[in-house]
């Protein structure tokens, strides 16, 4: 009985391999284009999971964080690589021991390109919320952008703003608190 099941699984694998090899190249290209946003999202999720498990991550380049409805991102990022001032996405997660000085924010969303982040940020302008767009890179070097409302001086202050933001933004789940990267030295 077990041998029959193993044989059936092996036969299925061979048939799937043959089917994959017989797919036209144009269809593979279209499928790869459709899968690209998903792989970027999975890369960001894998980055967050690695941080939660204590795995090492890429060193962060500092980015400026400003309030008052202004974005911290520079001009449009080059599609070939991450922005020059991008922080590691892992560095936005709250550490077990909070730093003595730090700025916090509530993450509203994360995006694969600056245009999407800026479009979402434009929806916050009529609400008169202070927000910023933080350029980030995941552990694989893929660029991304985090839209955050803030900054707040402490985690409790940010958590205190969650109910109001959930109501205003019509959210079903509380927005996560993130640690903003420090401003560049210089």
C-alpha atoms as a PDB file:
ATOM      1  CA  UNK A   1       0.000   0.000   0.000  1.00  0.00           C
ATOM      2  CA  UNK A   2       2.776   2.472   0.928  1.00  0.00           C
ATOM      3  CA  UNK A   3       4.736   1.573  -2.193  1.00  0.00           C
ATOM      4  CA  UNK A   4       1.661   2.312  -4.338  1.00  0.00           C
ATOM      5  CA  UNK A   5       1.244   5.721  -2.713  1.00  0.00           C
ATOM      6  CA  UNK A   6       4.924   6.549  -3.241  1.00  0.00           C
ATOM      7  CA  UNK A   7       4.680   5.456  -6.873  1.00  0.00           C
ATOM      8  CA  UNK A   8       1.559   7.592  -7.353  1.00  0.00           C
ATOM      9  CA  UNK A   9       3.269  10.679  -5.884  1.00  0.00           C
ATOM     10  CA  UNK A  10       6.365  10.126  -8.051  1.00  0.00           C
ATOM     11  CA  UNK A  11       4.211   9.727 -11.168  1.00  0.00           C
ATOM     12  CA  UNK A  12       2.351  12.941 -10.315  1.00  0.00           C
ATOM     13  CA  UNK A  13       5.676  14.747  -9.925  1.00  0.00           C
ATOM     14  CA  UNK A  14       6.904  13.547 -13.313  1.00  0.00           C
ATOM     15  CA  UNK A  15       3.645  14.619 -14.969  1.00  0.00           C
ATOM     16  CA  UNK A  16       3.856  18.091 -13.381  1.00  0.00           C
ATOM     17  CA  UNK A  17       7.465  18.444 -14.545  1.00  0.00           C
ATOM     18  CA  UNK A  18       6.451  17.511 -18.093  1.00  0.00           C
ATOM     19  CA  UNK A  19       3.539  19.959 -17.969  1.00  0.00           C
ATOM     20  CA  UNK A  20       5.829  22.736 -16.725  1.00  0.00           C
ATOM     21  CA  UNK A  21       8.336  22.118 -19.493  1.00  0.00           C
ATOM     22  CA  UNK A  22       5.650  22.218 -22.174  1.00  0.00           C
ATOM     23  CA  UNK A  23       4.271  25.655 -21.175  1.00  0.00           C
ATOM     24  CA  UNK A  24       4.937  28.344 -23.828  1.00  0.00           C
ATOM     25  CA  UNK A  25       7.575  30.959 -22.924  1.00  0.00           C
ATOM     26  CA  UNK A  26       5.103  33.841 -23.374  1.00  0.00           C
ATOM     27  CA  UNK A  27       2.813  32.331 -20.738  1.00  0.00           C
ATOM     28  CA  UNK A  28       5.743  31.870 -18.340  1.00  0.00           C
ATOM     29  CA  UNK A  29       6.699  35.548 -18.781  1.00  0.00           C
ATOM     30  CA  UNK A  30       3.124  36.687 -18.079  1.00  0.00           C
ATOM     31  CA  UNK A  31       2.958  34.439 -15.020  1.00  0.00           C
ATOM     32  CA  UNK A  32       6.292  35.752 -13.737  1.00  0.00           C
ATOM     33  CA  UNK A  33       5.047  39.343 -14.138  1.00  0.00           C
ATOM     34  CA  UNK A  34       1.887  38.508 -12.160  1.00  0.00           C
ATOM     35  CA  UNK A  35       3.896  36.800  -9.416  1.00  0.00           C
ATOM     36  CA  UNK A  36       6.378  39.674  -8.939  1.00  0.00           C
ATOM     37  CA  UNK A  37       4.252  41.702  -6.435  1.00  0.00           C
ATOM     38  CA  UNK A  38       3.590  38.522  -4.458  1.00  0.00           C
ATOM     39  CA  UNK A  39       7.267  37.634  -4.254  1.00  0.00           C
ATOM     40  CA  UNK A  40       8.081  41.180  -3.101  1.00  0.00           C
ATOM     41  CA  UNK A  41       5.415  40.926  -0.393  1.00  0.00           C
ATOM     42  CA  UNK A  42       6.708  37.512   0.653  1.00  0.00           C
ATOM     43  CA  UNK A  43      10.236  38.919   0.848  1.00  0.00           C
ATOM     44  CA  UNK A  44       9.051  41.681   3.206  1.00  0.00           C
ATOM     45  CA  UNK A  45       7.144  39.095   5.274  1.00  0.00           C
ATOM     46  CA  UNK A  46      10.195  36.834   5.410  1.00  0.00           C
ATOM     47  CA  UNK A  47      12.239  39.797   6.558  1.00  0.00           C
ATOM     48  CA  UNK A  48       9.826  40.465   9.403  1.00  0.00           C
ATOM     49  CA  UNK A  49       9.761  36.779  10.349  1.00  0.00           C
ATOM     50  CA  UNK A  50      13.543  36.645  10.433  1.00  0.00           C
ATOM     51  CA  UNK A  51      13.618  39.641  12.754  1.00  0.00           C
ATOM     52  CA  UNK A  52      11.057  38.066  15.056  1.00  0.00           C
ATOM     53  CA  UNK A  53      13.160  34.920  15.304  1.00  0.00           C
ATOM     54  CA  UNK A  54      16.305  36.922  16.087  1.00  0.00           C
ATOM     55  CA  UNK A  55      18.036  36.240  12.766  1.00  0.00           C
ATOM     56  CA  UNK A  56      20.757  38.613  11.571  1.00  0.00           C
ATOM     57  CA  UNK A  57      19.794  41.316   9.103  1.00  0.00           C
ATOM     58  CA  UNK A  58      21.377  43.844   6.814  1.00  0.00           C
ATOM     59  CA  UNK A  59      22.770  46.988   8.445  1.00  0.00           C
ATOM     60  CA  UNK A  60      20.500  49.964   8.055  1.00  0.00           C
ATOM     61  CA  UNK A  61      21.280  53.217   6.393  1.00  0.00           C
ATOM     62  CA  UNK A  62      19.623  55.993   8.345  1.00  0.00           C
ATOM     63  CA  UNK A  63      16.728  57.913   6.871  1.00  0.00           C
ATOM     64  CA  UNK A  64      15.214  61.199   7.935  1.00  0.00           C
ATOM     65  CA  UNK A  65      11.786  61.143   9.531  1.00  0.00           C
ATOM     66  CA  UNK A  66       9.728  64.293   9.525  1.00  0.00           C
ATOM     67  CA  UNK A  67       6.229  65.105  10.731  1.00  0.00           C
ATOM     68  CA  UNK A  68       3.516  67.448   9.552  1.00  0.00           C
ATOM     69  CA  UNK A  69       2.404  65.588   6.423  1.00  0.00           C
ATOM     70  CA  UNK A  70       5.803  65.614   4.781  1.00  0.00           C
ATOM     71  CA  UNK A  71       7.450  62.486   3.490  1.00  0.00           C
ATOM     72  CA  UNK A  72      10.890  61.296   4.458  1.00  0.00           C
ATOM     73  CA  UNK A  73      11.503  59.692   1.097  1.00  0.00           C
ATOM     74  CA  UNK A  74      13.692  61.334  -1.495  1.00  0.00           C
ATOM     75  CA  UNK A  75      12.666  61.683  -5.121  1.00  0.00           C
ATOM     76  CA  UNK A  76      11.462  58.570  -6.921  1.00  0.00           C
ATOM     77  CA  UNK A  77      13.725  55.598  -6.304  1.00  0.00           C
ATOM     78  CA  UNK A  78      15.696  54.018  -9.083  1.00  0.00           C
ATOM     79  CA  UNK A  79      13.929  50.820 -10.163  1.00  0.00           C
ATOM     80  CA  UNK A  80      17.256  48.948 -10.272  1.00  0.00           C
ATOM     81  CA  UNK A  81      17.894  49.139  -6.523  1.00  0.00           C
ATOM     82  CA  UNK A  82      16.835  50.460  -3.152  1.00  0.00           C
ATOM     83  CA  UNK A  83      16.870  54.173  -2.317  1.00  0.00           C
ATOM     84  CA  UNK A  84      20.127  55.507  -0.911  1.00  0.00           C
ATOM     85  CA  UNK A  85      18.508  56.467   2.402  1.00  0.00           C
ATOM     86  CA  UNK A  86      16.577  53.195   2.883  1.00  0.00           C
ATOM     87  CA  UNK A  87      16.502  51.569   6.294  1.00  0.00           C
ATOM     88  CA  UNK A  88      16.378  47.839   6.782  1.00  0.00           C
ATOM     89  CA  UNK A  89      12.732  46.763   7.098  1.00  0.00           C
ATOM     90  CA  UNK A  90      13.754  44.659  10.086  1.00  0.00           C
ATOM     91  CA  UNK A  91      14.953  47.762  11.923  1.00  0.00           C
ATOM     92  CA  UNK A  92      11.384  49.120  11.999  1.00  0.00           C
ATOM     93  CA  UNK A  93      10.243  46.273  14.267  1.00  0.00           C
ATOM     94  CA  UNK A  94      10.159  47.031  17.966  1.00  0.00           C
ATOM     95  CA  UNK A  95      13.168  45.526  19.758  1.00  0.00           C
ATOM     96  CA  UNK A  96      12.726  43.554  22.996  1.00  0.00           C
ATOM     97  CA  UNK A  97      14.485  46.370  24.861  1.00  0.00           C
ATOM     98  CA  UNK A  98      13.329  49.771  23.688  1.00  0.00           C
ATOM     99  CA  UNK A  99      16.027  52.381  23.039  1.00  0.00           C
ATOM    100  CA  UNK A 100      16.445  55.234  25.529  1.00  0.00           C
ATOM    101  CA  UNK A 101      15.616  57.735  22.788  1.00  0.00           C
ATOM    102  CA  UNK A 102      13.513  56.913  19.809  1.00  0.00           C
ATOM    103  CA  UNK A 103      10.568  57.939  17.698  1.00  0.00           C
ATOM    104  CA  UNK A 104       7.670  55.615  17.026  1.00  0.00           C
ATOM    105  CA  UNK A 105       4.847  55.534  14.502  1.00  0.00           C
ATOM    106  CA  UNK A 106       1.853  53.448  13.527  1.00  0.00           C
ATOM    107  CA  UNK A 107       2.336  51.542  10.273  1.00  0.00           C
ATOM    108  CA  UNK A 108      -0.568  52.193   7.911  1.00  0.00           C
ATOM    109  CA  UNK A 109       0.785  50.142   5.009  1.00  0.00           C
ATOM    110  CA  UNK A 110       3.789  48.930   3.072  1.00  0.00           C
ATOM    111  CA  UNK A 111       4.301  49.267  -0.656  1.00  0.00           C
ATOM    112  CA  UNK A 112       6.653  48.037  -3.350  1.00  0.00           C
ATOM    113  CA  UNK A 113       7.111  51.426  -5.013  1.00  0.00           C
ATOM    114  CA  UNK A 114       7.109  55.070  -3.984  1.00  0.00           C
ATOM    115  CA  UNK A 115       4.213  55.989  -6.282  1.00  0.00           C
ATOM    116  CA  UNK A 116       1.870  53.574  -4.466  1.00  0.00           C
ATOM    117  CA  UNK A 117       3.044  54.819  -1.072  1.00  0.00           C
ATOM    118  CA  UNK A 118       2.572  58.448  -2.116  1.00  0.00           C
ATOM    119  CA  UNK A 119      -0.928  57.672  -3.479  1.00  0.00           C
ATOM    120  CA  UNK A 120      -1.913  56.110  -0.150  1.00  0.00           C
ATOM    121  CA  UNK A 121      -0.343  59.048   1.713  1.00  0.00           C
ATOM    122  CA  UNK A 122      -2.450  61.463  -0.353  1.00  0.00           C
ATOM    123  CA  UNK A 123      -5.539  59.856   1.199  1.00  0.00           C
ATOM    124  CA  UNK A 124      -4.247  60.849   4.650  1.00  0.00           C
ATOM    125  CA  UNK A 125      -3.843  64.556   3.786  1.00  0.00           C
ATOM    126  CA  UNK A 126      -7.564  65.444   4.178  1.00  0.00           C
ATOM    127  CA  UNK A 127      -7.503  63.795   7.618  1.00  0.00           C
ATOM    128  CA  UNK A 128      -4.786  66.226   8.782  1.00  0.00           C
ATOM    129  CA  UNK A 129      -2.659  63.388  10.157  1.00  0.00           C
ATOM    130  CA  UNK A 130       1.095  63.732  10.440  1.00  0.00           C
ATOM    131  CA  UNK A 131       2.570  60.952   8.329  1.00  0.00           C
ATOM    132  CA  UNK A 132       5.794  59.922   6.674  1.00  0.00           C
ATOM    133  CA  UNK A 133       6.943  57.510   4.006  1.00  0.00           C
ATOM    134  CA  UNK A 134      10.004  55.533   5.079  1.00  0.00           C
ATOM    135  CA  UNK A 135      12.055  53.856   2.339  1.00  0.00           C
ATOM    136  CA  UNK A 136      13.183  50.371   3.398  1.00  0.00           C
ATOM    137  CA  UNK A 137      14.950  47.338   2.007  1.00  0.00           C
ATOM    138  CA  UNK A 138      14.176  43.759   2.993  1.00  0.00           C
ATOM    139  CA  UNK A 139      16.785  41.143   3.827  1.00  0.00           C
ATOM    140  CA  UNK A 140      17.087  40.284   0.126  1.00  0.00           C
ATOM    141  CA  UNK A 141      17.801  43.885  -0.906  1.00  0.00           C
ATOM    142  CA  UNK A 142      14.339  44.489  -2.415  1.00  0.00           C
ATOM    143  CA  UNK A 143      13.199  48.104  -2.018  1.00  0.00           C
ATOM    144  CA  UNK A 144       9.932  49.003  -0.365  1.00  0.00           C
ATOM    145  CA  UNK A 145       8.162  51.874   1.362  1.00  0.00           C
ATOM    146  CA  UNK A 146       6.365  51.972   4.700  1.00  0.00           C
ATOM    147  CA  UNK A 147       3.590  54.530   5.213  1.00  0.00           C
ATOM    148  CA  UNK A 148       3.378  55.496   8.871  1.00  0.00           C
ATOM    149  CA  UNK A 149       1.360  57.938  10.970  1.00  0.00           C
ATOM    150  CA  UNK A 150       3.409  59.751  13.568  1.00  0.00           C
ATOM    151  CA  UNK A 151       5.954  60.289  14.952  1.00  0.00           C
ATOM    152  CA  UNK A 152       5.187  59.620  18.608  1.00  0.00           C
ATOM    153  CA  UNK A 153       7.630  60.043  21.492  1.00  0.00           C
ATOM    154  CA  UNK A 154       6.852  56.674  23.103  1.00  0.00           C
ATOM    155  CA  UNK A 155       5.198  53.330  22.472  1.00  0.00           C
ATOM    156  CA  UNK A 156       2.334  54.083  24.922  1.00  0.00           C
ATOM    157  CA  UNK A 157       1.667  57.377  23.106  1.00  0.00           C
ATOM    158  CA  UNK A 158       1.505  55.553  19.768  1.00  0.00           C
ATOM    159  CA  UNK A 159      -0.722  52.846  21.245  1.00  0.00           C
ATOM    160  CA  UNK A 160      -2.993  55.561  22.641  1.00  0.00           C
ATOM    161  CA  UNK A 161      -3.561  56.870  19.119  1.00  0.00           C
ATOM    162  CA  UNK A 162      -4.531  53.445  17.745  1.00  0.00           C
ATOM    163  CA  UNK A 163      -8.263  53.514  18.586  1.00  0.00           C
ATOM    164  CA  UNK A 164      -8.735  56.906  16.962  1.00  0.00           C
ATOM    165  CA  UNK A 165      -6.784  55.889  13.855  1.00  0.00           C
ATOM    166  CA  UNK A 166      -8.672  52.589  13.607  1.00  0.00           C
ATOM    167  CA  UNK A 167     -11.915  54.572  13.608  1.00  0.00           C
ATOM    168  CA  UNK A 168     -10.709  57.224  11.149  1.00  0.00           C
ATOM    169  CA  UNK A 169      -9.070  54.735   8.790  1.00  0.00           C
ATOM    170  CA  UNK A 170     -11.856  52.142   9.179  1.00  0.00           C
ATOM    171  CA  UNK A 171      -9.369  49.457  10.145  1.00  0.00           C
ATOM    172  CA  UNK A 172     -10.353  46.050  11.447  1.00  0.00           C
ATOM    173  CA  UNK A 173      -7.047  45.299  13.168  1.00  0.00           C
ATOM    174  CA  UNK A 174      -4.866  47.586  15.287  1.00  0.00           C
ATOM    175  CA  UNK A 175      -2.046  49.258  13.404  1.00  0.00           C
ATOM    176  CA  UNK A 176       1.391  47.960  14.421  1.00  0.00           C
ATOM    177  CA  UNK A 177       3.754  50.262  16.291  1.00  0.00           C
ATOM    178  CA  UNK A 178       7.121  50.628  14.550  1.00  0.00           C
ATOM    179  CA  UNK A 179      10.426  52.187  15.542  1.00  0.00           C
ATOM    180  CA  UNK A 180      11.421  54.959  13.153  1.00  0.00           C
ATOM    181  CA  UNK A 181      15.017  55.039  11.938  1.00  0.00           C
ATOM    182  CA  UNK A 182      17.171  57.786  13.454  1.00  0.00           C
ATOM    183  CA  UNK A 183      17.806  60.887  11.356  1.00  0.00           C
ATOM    184  CA  UNK A 184      21.090  60.888   9.463  1.00  0.00           C
ATOM    185  CA  UNK A 185      24.085  62.277  11.349  1.00  0.00           C
ATOM    186  CA  UNK A 186      25.818  65.194   9.825  1.00  0.00           C
END
